[in-house]
Amino acid sequence: MVKHIIIWTLKDCYDASEKAEIAKNIKTNVEGLKDKIDGIVEIKVQTEHLPSSTGDVMLDSTFVSEEALKAYAINPEHVEVANRDVRPFVASRSCLDFEI
């Protein structure tokens, strides 16, 4: 199995309430991909964080294999959510993938 962790930092032009709404939309729509894309074992989005955090939103997902992760990356359902609900609002993205 493969872990796929992403930390997104939202753009500074949004205030706290706007960031909370953006994070809520990311959570709802990214977690909604679980039953739509084969190969996802688990997918969770963390939107609550301590003030010491340097990111705003974290994706913690598990895939059956590296091939499943690669297929997820180009899946039209994922691409639509990423282009609509994530990318327009994100200033930076960090990713770590590893086998478990």
N, C-alpha and C. Protein backbone atom coordinates (compact mmCIF):
# COMPACT_ATOMS: atom_id res chain seq x y z
N MET A 1 0.84 -1.19 0.00
CA MET A 1 0.00 0.00 0.00
C MET A 1 0.88 1.24 0.00
N VAL A 2 0.27 2.35 -0.38
CA VAL A 2 1.00 3.61 -0.52
C VAL A 2 0.25 4.72 0.22
N LYS A 3 0.99 5.50 0.99
CA LYS A 3 0.45 6.70 1.63
C LYS A 3 0.73 7.89 0.72
N HIS A 4 -0.24 8.79 0.65
CA HIS A 4 -0.14 10.02 -0.14
C HIS A 4 -0.58 11.15 0.78
N ILE A 5 0.38 11.95 1.22
CA ILE A 5 0.12 13.05 2.16
C ILE A 5 0.38 14.37 1.43
N ILE A 6 -0.58 15.28 1.55
CA ILE A 6 -0.41 16.61 0.97
C ILE A 6 -0.73 17.65 2.03
N ILE A 7 0.05 18.70 2.08
CA ILE A 7 -0.27 19.86 2.91
C ILE A 7 -0.40 21.07 1.99
N TRP A 8 -1.56 21.70 2.07
CA TRP A 8 -1.82 22.89 1.27
C TRP A 8 -1.81 24.13 2.17
N THR A 9 -1.23 25.20 1.67
CA THR A 9 -1.33 26.50 2.31
C THR A 9 -2.21 27.36 1.42
N LEU A 10 -3.27 27.89 1.99
CA LEU A 10 -4.19 28.71 1.21
C LEU A 10 -3.61 30.10 0.99
N LYS A 11 -4.08 30.75 -0.05
CA LYS A 11 -3.59 32.09 -0.39
C LYS A 11 -3.90 33.09 0.72
N ASP A 12 -2.99 34.03 0.93
CA ASP A 12 -3.11 35.04 1.98
C ASP A 12 -4.24 36.04 1.74
N CYS A 13 -4.74 36.10 0.52
CA CYS A 13 -5.79 37.08 0.23
C CYS A 13 -7.13 36.73 0.87
N TYR A 14 -7.24 35.53 1.44
CA TYR A 14 -8.49 35.12 2.08
C TYR A 14 -8.42 35.37 3.59
N ASP A 15 -9.53 35.83 4.16
CA ASP A 15 -9.57 36.00 5.61
C ASP A 15 -9.90 34.65 6.26
N ALA A 16 -9.93 34.62 7.58
CA ALA A 16 -10.11 33.37 8.31
C ALA A 16 -11.43 32.67 7.97
N SER A 17 -12.50 33.42 7.84
CA SER A 17 -13.80 32.79 7.53
C SER A 17 -13.82 32.25 6.10
N GLU A 18 -13.19 32.97 5.18
CA GLU A 18 -13.11 32.48 3.80
C GLU A 18 -12.25 31.21 3.74
N LYS A 19 -11.14 31.20 4.47
CA LYS A 19 -10.29 30.01 4.50
C LYS A 19 -11.04 28.82 5.09
N ALA A 20 -11.83 29.06 6.12
CA ALA A 20 -12.61 27.98 6.73
C ALA A 20 -13.60 27.40 5.72
N GLU A 21 -14.24 28.24 4.95
CA GLU A 21 -15.21 27.77 3.94
C GLU A 21 -14.50 27.02 2.82
N ILE A 22 -13.37 27.53 2.38
CA ILE A 22 -12.58 26.85 1.33
C ILE A 22 -12.14 25.48 1.84
N ALA A 23 -11.63 25.43 3.07
CA ALA A 23 -11.17 24.16 3.64
C ALA A 23 -12.33 23.17 3.75
N LYS A 24 -13.50 23.66 4.14
CA LYS A 24 -14.69 22.79 4.25
C LYS A 24 -15.04 22.20 2.88
N ASN A 25 -15.00 23.00 1.84
CA ASN A 25 -15.30 22.52 0.49
C ASN A 25 -14.25 21.50 0.03
N ILE A 26 -12.99 21.78 0.31
CA ILE A 26 -11.93 20.82 -0.04
C ILE A 26 -12.21 19.49 0.66
N LYS A 27 -12.48 19.53 1.95
CA LYS A 27 -12.73 18.32 2.72
C LYS A 27 -13.90 17.52 2.13
N THR A 28 -15.01 18.17 1.94
CA THR A 28 -16.21 17.49 1.43
C THR A 28 -15.96 16.85 0.07
N ASN A 29 -15.37 17.60 -0.83
CA ASN A 29 -15.25 17.12 -2.20
C ASN A 29 -14.10 16.14 -2.40
N VAL A 30 -13.00 16.32 -1.70
CA VAL A 30 -11.89 15.37 -1.81
C VAL A 30 -12.26 14.05 -1.14
N GLU A 31 -12.84 14.12 0.06
CA GLU A 31 -13.26 12.88 0.73
C GLU A 31 -14.35 12.16 -0.06
N GLY A 32 -15.13 12.90 -0.81
CA GLY A 32 -16.18 12.32 -1.65
C GLY A 32 -15.65 11.48 -2.80
N LEU A 33 -14.36 11.55 -3.06
CA LEU A 33 -13.77 10.76 -4.15
C LEU A 33 -13.60 9.28 -3.78
N LYS A 34 -13.66 8.95 -2.50
CA LYS A 34 -13.38 7.59 -2.05
C LYS A 34 -14.23 6.55 -2.78
N ASP A 35 -15.50 6.77 -2.91
CA ASP A 35 -16.38 5.80 -3.54
C ASP A 35 -16.48 5.97 -5.06
N LYS A 36 -15.74 6.91 -5.59
CA LYS A 36 -15.79 7.17 -7.04
C LYS A 36 -14.56 6.68 -7.78
N ILE A 37 -13.46 6.45 -7.06
CA ILE A 37 -12.20 6.09 -7.72
C ILE A 37 -11.66 4.80 -7.11
N ASP A 38 -11.44 3.81 -7.96
CA ASP A 38 -10.88 2.54 -7.51
C ASP A 38 -9.47 2.73 -6.98
N GLY A 39 -9.12 1.93 -5.99
CA GLY A 39 -7.76 1.92 -5.48
C GLY A 39 -7.55 2.76 -4.23
N ILE A 40 -8.56 3.57 -3.86
CA ILE A 40 -8.45 4.35 -2.63
C ILE A 40 -8.87 3.46 -1.46
N VAL A 41 -7.97 3.31 -0.50
CA VAL A 41 -8.28 2.56 0.71
C VAL A 41 -8.92 3.49 1.73
N GLU A 42 -8.30 4.66 1.89
CA GLU A 42 -8.78 5.64 2.86
C GLU A 42 -8.38 7.03 2.38
N ILE A 43 -9.25 8.00 2.64
CA ILE A 43 -8.94 9.37 2.27
C ILE A 43 -9.59 10.30 3.29
N LYS A 44 -8.75 11.10 3.95
CA LYS A 44 -9.22 12.03 4.99
C LYS A 44 -8.56 13.38 4.77
N VAL A 45 -9.34 14.41 4.99
CA VAL A 45 -8.83 15.77 4.91
C VAL A 45 -8.96 16.41 6.29
N GLN A 46 -7.84 16.91 6.79
CA GLN A 46 -7.79 17.56 8.10
C GLN A 46 -7.82 19.07 7.89
N THR A 47 -8.81 19.73 8.49
CA THR A 47 -8.95 21.18 8.34
C THR A 47 -8.72 21.94 9.64
N GLU A 48 -8.77 21.24 10.76
CA GLU A 48 -8.53 21.87 12.06
C GLU A 48 -7.06 21.69 12.41
N HIS A 49 -6.43 22.76 12.88
CA HIS A 49 -5.00 22.69 13.19
C HIS A 49 -4.64 23.69 14.28
N LEU A 50 -3.53 23.42 14.91
CA LEU A 50 -3.02 24.31 15.95
C LEU A 50 -2.38 25.54 15.32
N PRO A 51 -2.30 26.64 16.06
CA PRO A 51 -1.69 27.87 15.54
C PRO A 51 -0.22 27.69 15.13
N SER A 52 0.45 26.68 15.66
CA SER A 52 1.85 26.44 15.32
C SER A 52 2.02 25.83 13.92
N SER A 53 0.92 25.46 13.28
CA SER A 53 0.98 24.84 11.96
C SER A 53 1.43 25.83 10.89
N THR A 54 2.11 25.33 9.87
CA THR A 54 2.52 26.17 8.76
C THR A 54 1.68 25.93 7.52
N GLY A 55 0.76 24.98 7.57
CA GLY A 55 -0.16 24.71 6.48
C GLY A 55 -1.59 24.89 6.97
N ASP A 56 -2.53 24.89 6.02
CA ASP A 56 -3.94 25.11 6.35
C ASP A 56 -4.79 23.85 6.26
N VAL A 57 -4.47 22.98 5.31
CA VAL A 57 -5.28 21.79 5.04
C VAL A 57 -4.35 20.63 4.74
N MET A 58 -4.68 19.43 5.29
CA MET A 58 -3.86 18.25 5.03
C MET A 58 -4.72 17.13 4.45
N LEU A 59 -4.22 16.52 3.40
CA LEU A 59 -4.82 15.31 2.84
C LEU A 59 -3.98 14.13 3.30
N ASP A 60 -4.63 13.14 3.91
CA ASP A 60 -3.99 11.91 4.34
C ASP A 60 -4.73 10.78 3.65
N SER A 61 -4.11 10.17 2.66
CA SER A 61 -4.79 9.14 1.89
C SER A 61 -3.92 7.90 1.74
N THR A 62 -4.60 6.77 1.56
CA THR A 62 -3.94 5.50 1.38
C THR A 62 -4.49 4.84 0.13
N PHE A 63 -3.58 4.30 -0.68
CA PHE A 63 -3.94 3.63 -1.93
C PHE A 63 -3.44 2.20 -1.91
N VAL A 64 -4.08 1.35 -2.69
CA VAL A 64 -3.69 -0.06 -2.71
C VAL A 64 -2.30 -0.27 -3.29
N SER A 65 -1.87 0.65 -4.14
CA SER A 65 -0.56 0.51 -4.80
C SER A 65 -0.12 1.84 -5.38
N GLU A 66 1.14 1.90 -5.79
CA GLU A 66 1.64 3.09 -6.47
C GLU A 66 0.91 3.31 -7.79
N GLU A 67 0.57 2.23 -8.47
CA GLU A 67 -0.18 2.32 -9.73
C GLU A 67 -1.56 2.95 -9.49
N ALA A 68 -2.20 2.58 -8.38
CA ALA A 68 -3.51 3.16 -8.05
C ALA A 68 -3.37 4.66 -7.78
N LEU A 69 -2.30 5.07 -7.11
CA LEU A 69 -2.05 6.49 -6.87
C LEU A 69 -1.85 7.23 -8.19
N LYS A 70 -1.08 6.65 -9.08
CA LYS A 70 -0.85 7.28 -10.39
C LYS A 70 -2.15 7.40 -11.18
N ALA A 71 -3.01 6.38 -11.10
CA ALA A 71 -4.30 6.42 -11.79
C ALA A 71 -5.21 7.49 -11.18
N TYR A 72 -5.16 7.62 -9.87
CA TYR A 72 -5.94 8.65 -9.16
C TYR A 72 -5.54 10.05 -9.62
N ALA A 73 -4.24 10.26 -9.78
CA ALA A 73 -3.74 11.58 -10.16
C ALA A 73 -4.32 12.08 -11.47
N ILE A 74 -4.61 11.18 -12.40
CA ILE A 74 -5.13 11.59 -13.71
C ILE A 74 -6.61 11.26 -13.90
N ASN A 75 -7.24 10.70 -12.87
CA ASN A 75 -8.65 10.36 -12.96
C ASN A 75 -9.47 11.65 -13.14
N PRO A 76 -10.40 11.68 -14.11
CA PRO A 76 -11.18 12.89 -14.36
C PRO A 76 -11.95 13.41 -13.15
N GLU A 77 -12.45 12.52 -12.30
CA GLU A 77 -13.17 12.95 -11.09
C GLU A 77 -12.23 13.73 -10.17
N HIS A 78 -11.00 13.20 -9.99
CA HIS A 78 -10.00 13.87 -9.14
C HIS A 78 -9.57 15.18 -9.76
N VAL A 79 -9.29 15.18 -11.04
CA VAL A 79 -8.84 16.39 -11.73
C VAL A 79 -9.89 17.49 -11.62
N GLU A 80 -11.17 17.13 -11.76
CA GLU A 80 -12.24 18.12 -11.64
C GLU A 80 -12.27 18.75 -10.25
N VAL A 81 -12.19 17.92 -9.21
CA VAL A 81 -12.19 18.45 -7.84
C VAL A 81 -10.96 19.32 -7.60
N ALA A 82 -9.81 18.85 -8.04
CA ALA A 82 -8.57 19.61 -7.85
C ALA A 82 -8.64 20.97 -8.55
N ASN A 83 -9.12 20.97 -9.78
CA ASN A 83 -9.18 22.23 -10.54
C ASN A 83 -10.24 23.19 -10.04
N ARG A 84 -11.32 22.67 -9.48
CA ARG A 84 -12.43 23.51 -9.03
C ARG A 84 -12.29 23.94 -7.57
N ASP A 85 -11.90 23.00 -6.70
CA ASP A 85 -11.99 23.24 -5.26
C ASP A 85 -10.66 23.45 -4.55
N VAL A 86 -9.56 23.12 -5.22
CA VAL A 86 -8.26 23.19 -4.54
C VAL A 86 -7.34 24.21 -5.21
N ARG A 87 -6.92 23.94 -6.40
CA ARG A 87 -5.87 24.74 -7.06
C ARG A 87 -6.13 26.25 -7.09
N PRO A 88 -7.36 26.71 -7.34
CA PRO A 88 -7.56 28.16 -7.40
C PRO A 88 -7.29 28.88 -6.07
N PHE A 89 -7.31 28.15 -4.97
CA PHE A 89 -7.24 28.76 -3.64
C PHE A 89 -5.91 28.53 -2.93
N VAL A 90 -5.04 27.74 -3.53
CA VAL A 90 -3.81 27.30 -2.86
C VAL A 90 -2.60 28.11 -3.30
N ALA A 91 -1.83 28.55 -2.30
CA ALA A 91 -0.58 29.26 -2.57
C ALA A 91 0.59 28.29 -2.70
N SER A 92 0.55 27.21 -1.89
CA SER A 92 1.64 26.23 -1.97
C SER A 92 1.13 24.85 -1.60
N ARG A 93 1.86 23.85 -2.10
CA ARG A 93 1.50 22.45 -1.90
C ARG A 93 2.77 21.67 -1.64
N SER A 94 2.75 20.83 -0.60
CA SER A 94 3.84 19.90 -0.34
C SER A 94 3.26 18.50 -0.34
N CYS A 95 4.02 17.56 -0.86
CA CYS A 95 3.53 16.19 -1.00
C CYS A 95 4.60 15.21 -0.54
N LEU A 96 4.16 14.14 0.12
CA LEU A 96 5.05 13.04 0.48
C LEU A 96 4.31 11.74 0.22
N ASP A 97 4.86 10.91 -0.65
CA ASP A 97 4.31 9.59 -0.96
C ASP A 97 5.31 8.54 -0.47
N PHE A 98 4.78 7.46 0.15
CA PHE A 98 5.67 6.41 0.63
C PHE A 98 4.91 5.10 0.77
N GLU A 99 5.65 4.01 0.71
CA GLU A 99 5.05 2.68 0.87
C GLU A 99 4.86 2.38 2.35
N ILE A 100 3.76 1.70 2.64
CA ILE A 100 3.49 1.26 4.01
C ILE A 100 3.27 -0.25 4.04
